[in-house]
């Protein structure tokens, strides 16, 4: 998966939060159903050791100050200095299926879904992943999800898109 030199935030949760009125609330990572993430070498894993992302680029660096409560925030810097466009291969994601919101016009996004990154649309602004169960075959296991968001900083804009080799 590549991103245009964007810091990306990744958070995982097993419980969808909703207010009593039926309006979705912003989930807190302090929620008992949240899944803390950790960096293990070149892989992002949950507390149980299940891999969410592997082969993390050595150009991606963990922002420890912004990573809190189980979320991970990564940044990247071009080896050649400032650039107006830069593709960075982030790594390989492990998931069952995804829901993506991708920009299709200047001010519009459309939803896309699939089970392979080959079908991930360019200009993806939001990527929700349904994670693998991690080898557990029990039907009582709660479904786990991860959210990847390319973040912006000042004049910089980032998007997610599939790697040609993904």
C-alpha atoms as a PDB file:
ATOM      1  CA  UNK A   1       0.000   0.000   0.000  1.00  0.00           C
ATOM      2  CA  UNK A   2       1.386   3.406  -0.803  1.00  0.00           C
ATOM      3  CA  UNK A   3       0.608   6.797   0.579  1.00  0.00           C
ATOM      4  CA  UNK A   4       1.782  10.146  -0.674  1.00  0.00           C
ATOM      5  CA  UNK A   5       4.249  10.890   2.133  1.00  0.00           C
ATOM      6  CA  UNK A   6       1.430  11.210   4.619  1.00  0.00           C
ATOM      7  CA  UNK A   7       1.507  10.624   8.309  1.00  0.00           C
ATOM      8  CA  UNK A   8      -1.085   7.946   8.953  1.00  0.00           C
ATOM      9  CA  UNK A   9      -3.040   7.154  12.067  1.00  0.00           C
ATOM     10  CA  UNK A  10      -4.074   3.595  12.797  1.00  0.00           C
ATOM     11  CA  UNK A  11      -6.504   2.601  15.501  1.00  0.00           C
ATOM     12  CA  UNK A  12      -8.314  -0.660  16.094  1.00  0.00           C
ATOM     13  CA  UNK A  13     -11.538  -1.326  17.928  1.00  0.00           C
ATOM     14  CA  UNK A  14     -13.779  -4.320  18.455  1.00  0.00           C
ATOM     15  CA  UNK A  15     -16.865  -2.385  19.505  1.00  0.00           C
ATOM     16  CA  UNK A  16     -18.755   0.240  17.549  1.00  0.00           C
ATOM     17  CA  UNK A  17     -19.791   3.154  19.737  1.00  0.00           C
ATOM     18  CA  UNK A  18     -23.218   4.715  19.320  1.00  0.00           C
ATOM     19  CA  UNK A  19     -25.164   7.115  21.452  1.00  0.00           C
ATOM     20  CA  UNK A  20     -28.578   6.216  22.801  1.00  0.00           C
ATOM     21  CA  UNK A  21     -30.109   8.447  20.144  1.00  0.00           C
ATOM     22  CA  UNK A  22     -28.668   6.237  17.391  1.00  0.00           C
ATOM     23  CA  UNK A  23     -26.152   8.912  16.367  1.00  0.00           C
ATOM     24  CA  UNK A  24     -22.650   7.489  16.055  1.00  0.00           C
ATOM     25  CA  UNK A  25     -20.269   8.829  18.674  1.00  0.00           C
ATOM     26  CA  UNK A  26     -16.533   9.215  18.232  1.00  0.00           C
ATOM     27  CA  UNK A  27     -15.088   6.103  19.879  1.00  0.00           C
ATOM     28  CA  UNK A  28     -12.575   6.667  22.628  1.00  0.00           C
ATOM     29  CA  UNK A  29      -9.443   4.555  22.539  1.00  0.00           C
ATOM     30  CA  UNK A  30      -9.897   4.189  26.300  1.00  0.00           C
ATOM     31  CA  UNK A  31     -13.018   2.122  25.596  1.00  0.00           C
ATOM     32  CA  UNK A  32     -12.886  -1.423  27.043  1.00  0.00           C
ATOM     33  CA  UNK A  33     -13.385  -2.811  23.523  1.00  0.00           C
ATOM     34  CA  UNK A  34     -10.439  -0.960  21.993  1.00  0.00           C
ATOM     35  CA  UNK A  35      -7.505  -3.031  20.837  1.00  0.00           C
ATOM     36  CA  UNK A  36      -4.132  -1.536  21.794  1.00  0.00           C
ATOM     37  CA  UNK A  37      -1.594  -1.607  18.973  1.00  0.00           C
ATOM     38  CA  UNK A  38       2.165  -1.868  19.257  1.00  0.00           C
ATOM     39  CA  UNK A  39       5.126  -1.696  16.932  1.00  0.00           C
ATOM     40  CA  UNK A  40       7.109  -4.961  16.847  1.00  0.00           C
ATOM     41  CA  UNK A  41      10.110  -4.591  14.530  1.00  0.00           C
ATOM     42  CA  UNK A  42       8.652  -3.918  11.078  1.00  0.00           C
ATOM     43  CA  UNK A  43       5.129  -5.026  12.023  1.00  0.00           C
ATOM     44  CA  UNK A  44       2.119  -3.451  13.726  1.00  0.00           C
ATOM     45  CA  UNK A  45       0.497  -5.971  16.069  1.00  0.00           C
ATOM     46  CA  UNK A  46      -2.329  -6.031  18.577  1.00  0.00           C
ATOM     47  CA  UNK A  47      -1.934  -7.067  22.214  1.00  0.00           C
ATOM     48  CA  UNK A  48      -2.606 -10.720  21.317  1.00  0.00           C
ATOM     49  CA  UNK A  49       0.209 -10.712  18.749  1.00  0.00           C
ATOM     50  CA  UNK A  50      -2.034 -10.688  15.660  1.00  0.00           C
ATOM     51  CA  UNK A  51      -0.438  -8.778  12.769  1.00  0.00           C
ATOM     52  CA  UNK A  52      -2.305  -5.834  11.226  1.00  0.00           C
ATOM     53  CA  UNK A  53       0.521  -4.504   9.045  1.00  0.00           C
ATOM     54  CA  UNK A  54       3.820  -6.146   8.141  1.00  0.00           C
ATOM     55  CA  UNK A  55       6.907  -5.085   6.216  1.00  0.00           C
ATOM     56  CA  UNK A  56       6.551  -1.512   7.483  1.00  0.00           C
ATOM     57  CA  UNK A  57       8.810   0.805   5.516  1.00  0.00           C
ATOM     58  CA  UNK A  58      12.010   1.889   7.240  1.00  0.00           C
ATOM     59  CA  UNK A  59      11.117   5.438   6.096  1.00  0.00           C
ATOM     60  CA  UNK A  60       7.992   5.417   8.294  1.00  0.00           C
ATOM     61  CA  UNK A  61       8.717   6.543  11.823  1.00  0.00           C
ATOM     62  CA  UNK A  62       6.528   6.251  14.889  1.00  0.00           C
ATOM     63  CA  UNK A  63       5.508   9.575  16.419  1.00  0.00           C
ATOM     64  CA  UNK A  64       5.617   8.567  20.079  1.00  0.00           C
ATOM     65  CA  UNK A  65       4.256  11.925  21.315  1.00  0.00           C
ATOM     66  CA  UNK A  66       1.099  11.639  19.169  1.00  0.00           C
ATOM     67  CA  UNK A  67       0.692   7.868  19.643  1.00  0.00           C
ATOM     68  CA  UNK A  68      -1.314   7.348  22.795  1.00  0.00           C
ATOM     69  CA  UNK A  69      -3.907   5.012  24.245  1.00  0.00           C
ATOM     70  CA  UNK A  70      -3.191   2.205  21.774  1.00  0.00           C
ATOM     71  CA  UNK A  71      -3.293   4.248  18.556  1.00  0.00           C
ATOM     72  CA  UNK A  72      -0.182   4.533  16.408  1.00  0.00           C
ATOM     73  CA  UNK A  73       0.701   7.667  14.455  1.00  0.00           C
ATOM     74  CA  UNK A  74       3.422   7.397  11.822  1.00  0.00           C
ATOM     75  CA  UNK A  75       5.286  10.084   9.928  1.00  0.00           C
ATOM     76  CA  UNK A  76       7.729   9.935   7.039  1.00  0.00           C
ATOM     77  CA  UNK A  77      10.406  12.148   5.565  1.00  0.00           C
ATOM     78  CA  UNK A  78      11.736  11.998   2.033  1.00  0.00           C
ATOM     79  CA  UNK A  79      15.387  11.009   1.741  1.00  0.00           C
ATOM     80  CA  UNK A  80      15.791  13.728  -0.901  1.00  0.00           C
ATOM     81  CA  UNK A  81      14.368  16.639   1.111  1.00  0.00           C
ATOM     82  CA  UNK A  82      11.060  18.452   0.537  1.00  0.00           C
ATOM     83  CA  UNK A  83       8.975  17.128  -2.351  1.00  0.00           C
ATOM     84  CA  UNK A  84       5.661  18.094  -3.923  1.00  0.00           C
ATOM     85  CA  UNK A  85       4.750  14.448  -4.586  1.00  0.00           C
ATOM     86  CA  UNK A  86       6.211  11.353  -2.996  1.00  0.00           C
ATOM     87  CA  UNK A  87       4.977   7.767  -2.969  1.00  0.00           C
ATOM     88  CA  UNK A  88       5.875   5.768   0.112  1.00  0.00           C
ATOM     89  CA  UNK A  89       5.188   2.055   0.365  1.00  0.00           C
ATOM     90  CA  UNK A  90       3.871   1.697   3.884  1.00  0.00           C
ATOM     91  CA  UNK A  91       3.700  -2.111   4.126  1.00  0.00           C
ATOM     92  CA  UNK A  92       1.346  -5.059   3.701  1.00  0.00           C
ATOM     93  CA  UNK A  93      -2.007  -5.024   5.482  1.00  0.00           C
ATOM     94  CA  UNK A  94      -3.621  -8.174   6.934  1.00  0.00           C
ATOM     95  CA  UNK A  95      -7.432  -8.021   6.739  1.00  0.00           C
ATOM     96  CA  UNK A  96     -10.581  -9.792   5.496  1.00  0.00           C
ATOM     97  CA  UNK A  97     -12.307  -6.901   3.750  1.00  0.00           C
ATOM     98  CA  UNK A  98     -12.402  -3.135   3.656  1.00  0.00           C
ATOM     99  CA  UNK A  99     -14.621  -0.085   3.318  1.00  0.00           C
ATOM    100  CA  UNK A 100     -12.906   2.916   1.752  1.00  0.00           C
ATOM    101  CA  UNK A 101     -14.035   6.455   1.072  1.00  0.00           C
ATOM    102  CA  UNK A 102     -12.162   7.847  -1.897  1.00  0.00           C
ATOM    103  CA  UNK A 103     -12.176  11.245  -3.505  1.00  0.00           C
ATOM    104  CA  UNK A 104     -13.743  11.090  -6.971  1.00  0.00           C
ATOM    105  CA  UNK A 105     -14.164  14.843  -7.554  1.00  0.00           C
ATOM    106  CA  UNK A 106     -12.732  17.905  -5.916  1.00  0.00           C
ATOM    107  CA  UNK A 107     -15.315  18.003  -3.091  1.00  0.00           C
ATOM    108  CA  UNK A 108     -16.916  14.532  -3.303  1.00  0.00           C
ATOM    109  CA  UNK A 109     -16.062  11.106  -1.944  1.00  0.00           C
ATOM    110  CA  UNK A 110     -17.679   7.778  -2.753  1.00  0.00           C
ATOM    111  CA  UNK A 111     -17.633   4.533  -0.772  1.00  0.00           C
ATOM    112  CA  UNK A 112     -15.877   1.471  -2.179  1.00  0.00           C
ATOM    113  CA  UNK A 113     -15.546  -1.958  -0.625  1.00  0.00           C
ATOM    114  CA  UNK A 114     -13.608  -5.095  -1.378  1.00  0.00           C
ATOM    115  CA  UNK A 115     -11.366  -7.820  -0.032  1.00  0.00           C
ATOM    116  CA  UNK A 116      -8.144  -7.106  -1.930  1.00  0.00           C
ATOM    117  CA  UNK A 117      -5.993  -4.019  -2.066  1.00  0.00           C
ATOM    118  CA  UNK A 118      -5.881  -4.440  -5.847  1.00  0.00           C
ATOM    119  CA  UNK A 119      -9.373  -2.899  -5.890  1.00  0.00           C
ATOM    120  CA  UNK A 120      -8.601  -0.057  -3.471  1.00  0.00           C
ATOM    121  CA  UNK A 121      -9.381   3.199  -5.294  1.00  0.00           C
ATOM    122  CA  UNK A 122      -6.739   5.904  -5.660  1.00  0.00           C
ATOM    123  CA  UNK A 123      -7.230   9.040  -3.554  1.00  0.00           C
ATOM    124  CA  UNK A 124      -8.534   7.014  -0.576  1.00  0.00           C
ATOM    125  CA  UNK A 125      -9.170   9.342   2.367  1.00  0.00           C
ATOM    126  CA  UNK A 126     -10.549   6.797   4.868  1.00  0.00           C
ATOM    127  CA  UNK A 127      -9.878   3.067   5.127  1.00  0.00           C
ATOM    128  CA  UNK A 128     -11.826   0.857   7.543  1.00  0.00           C
ATOM    129  CA  UNK A 129     -10.526  -2.720   7.705  1.00  0.00           C
ATOM    130  CA  UNK A 130     -12.308  -5.782   9.034  1.00  0.00           C
ATOM    131  CA  UNK A 131      -9.449  -7.705  10.596  1.00  0.00           C
ATOM    132  CA  UNK A 132      -8.761 -11.420  10.485  1.00  0.00           C
ATOM    133  CA  UNK A 133      -9.762 -13.293  13.627  1.00  0.00           C
ATOM    134  CA  UNK A 134      -6.144 -14.181  14.302  1.00  0.00           C
ATOM    135  CA  UNK A 135      -6.579 -17.923  14.028  1.00  0.00           C
ATOM    136  CA  UNK A 136      -9.477 -18.149  16.451  1.00  0.00           C
ATOM    137  CA  UNK A 137     -12.353 -20.235  15.113  1.00  0.00           C
ATOM    138  CA  UNK A 138     -14.723 -19.461  17.984  1.00  0.00           C
ATOM    139  CA  UNK A 139     -17.965 -17.824  16.886  1.00  0.00           C
ATOM    140  CA  UNK A 140     -18.081 -15.903  20.193  1.00  0.00           C
ATOM    141  CA  UNK A 141     -15.067 -13.767  19.218  1.00  0.00           C
ATOM    142  CA  UNK A 142     -15.999 -10.116  18.658  1.00  0.00           C
ATOM    143  CA  UNK A 143     -15.216  -8.773  15.224  1.00  0.00           C
ATOM    144  CA  UNK A 144     -12.196  -6.447  15.147  1.00  0.00           C
ATOM    145  CA  UNK A 145     -11.728  -3.372  12.953  1.00  0.00           C
ATOM    146  CA  UNK A 146      -8.885  -0.981  12.190  1.00  0.00           C
ATOM    147  CA  UNK A 147      -9.047   2.517  10.773  1.00  0.00           C
ATOM    148  CA  UNK A 148      -6.301   4.086   8.645  1.00  0.00           C
ATOM    149  CA  UNK A 149      -6.440   7.804   8.002  1.00  0.00           C
ATOM    150  CA  UNK A 150      -3.931   9.857   6.046  1.00  0.00           C
ATOM    151  CA  UNK A 151      -3.438  13.044   8.027  1.00  0.00           C
ATOM    152  CA  UNK A 152      -2.714  16.541   6.784  1.00  0.00           C
ATOM    153  CA  UNK A 153      -0.248  19.075   8.089  1.00  0.00           C
ATOM    154  CA  UNK A 154      -0.243  22.692   6.948  1.00  0.00           C
ATOM    155  CA  UNK A 155      -0.145  22.735   3.163  1.00  0.00           C
ATOM    156  CA  UNK A 156       0.555  19.003   2.966  1.00  0.00           C
ATOM    157  CA  UNK A 157      -2.128  16.509   1.894  1.00  0.00           C
ATOM    158  CA  UNK A 158      -1.950  12.724   1.927  1.00  0.00           C
ATOM    159  CA  UNK A 159      -3.948   9.875   0.438  1.00  0.00           C
ATOM    160  CA  UNK A 160      -3.860   6.086   0.467  1.00  0.00           C
ATOM    161  CA  UNK A 161      -3.695   4.021  -2.684  1.00  0.00           C
ATOM    162  CA  UNK A 162      -2.673   0.485  -3.567  1.00  0.00           C
ATOM    163  CA  UNK A 163       0.876  -0.391  -4.398  1.00  0.00           C
ATOM    164  CA  UNK A 164       1.277  -1.830  -7.900  1.00  0.00           C
ATOM    165  CA  UNK A 165       2.685  -4.977  -6.262  1.00  0.00           C
ATOM    166  CA  UNK A 166       0.033  -5.294  -3.517  1.00  0.00           C
END
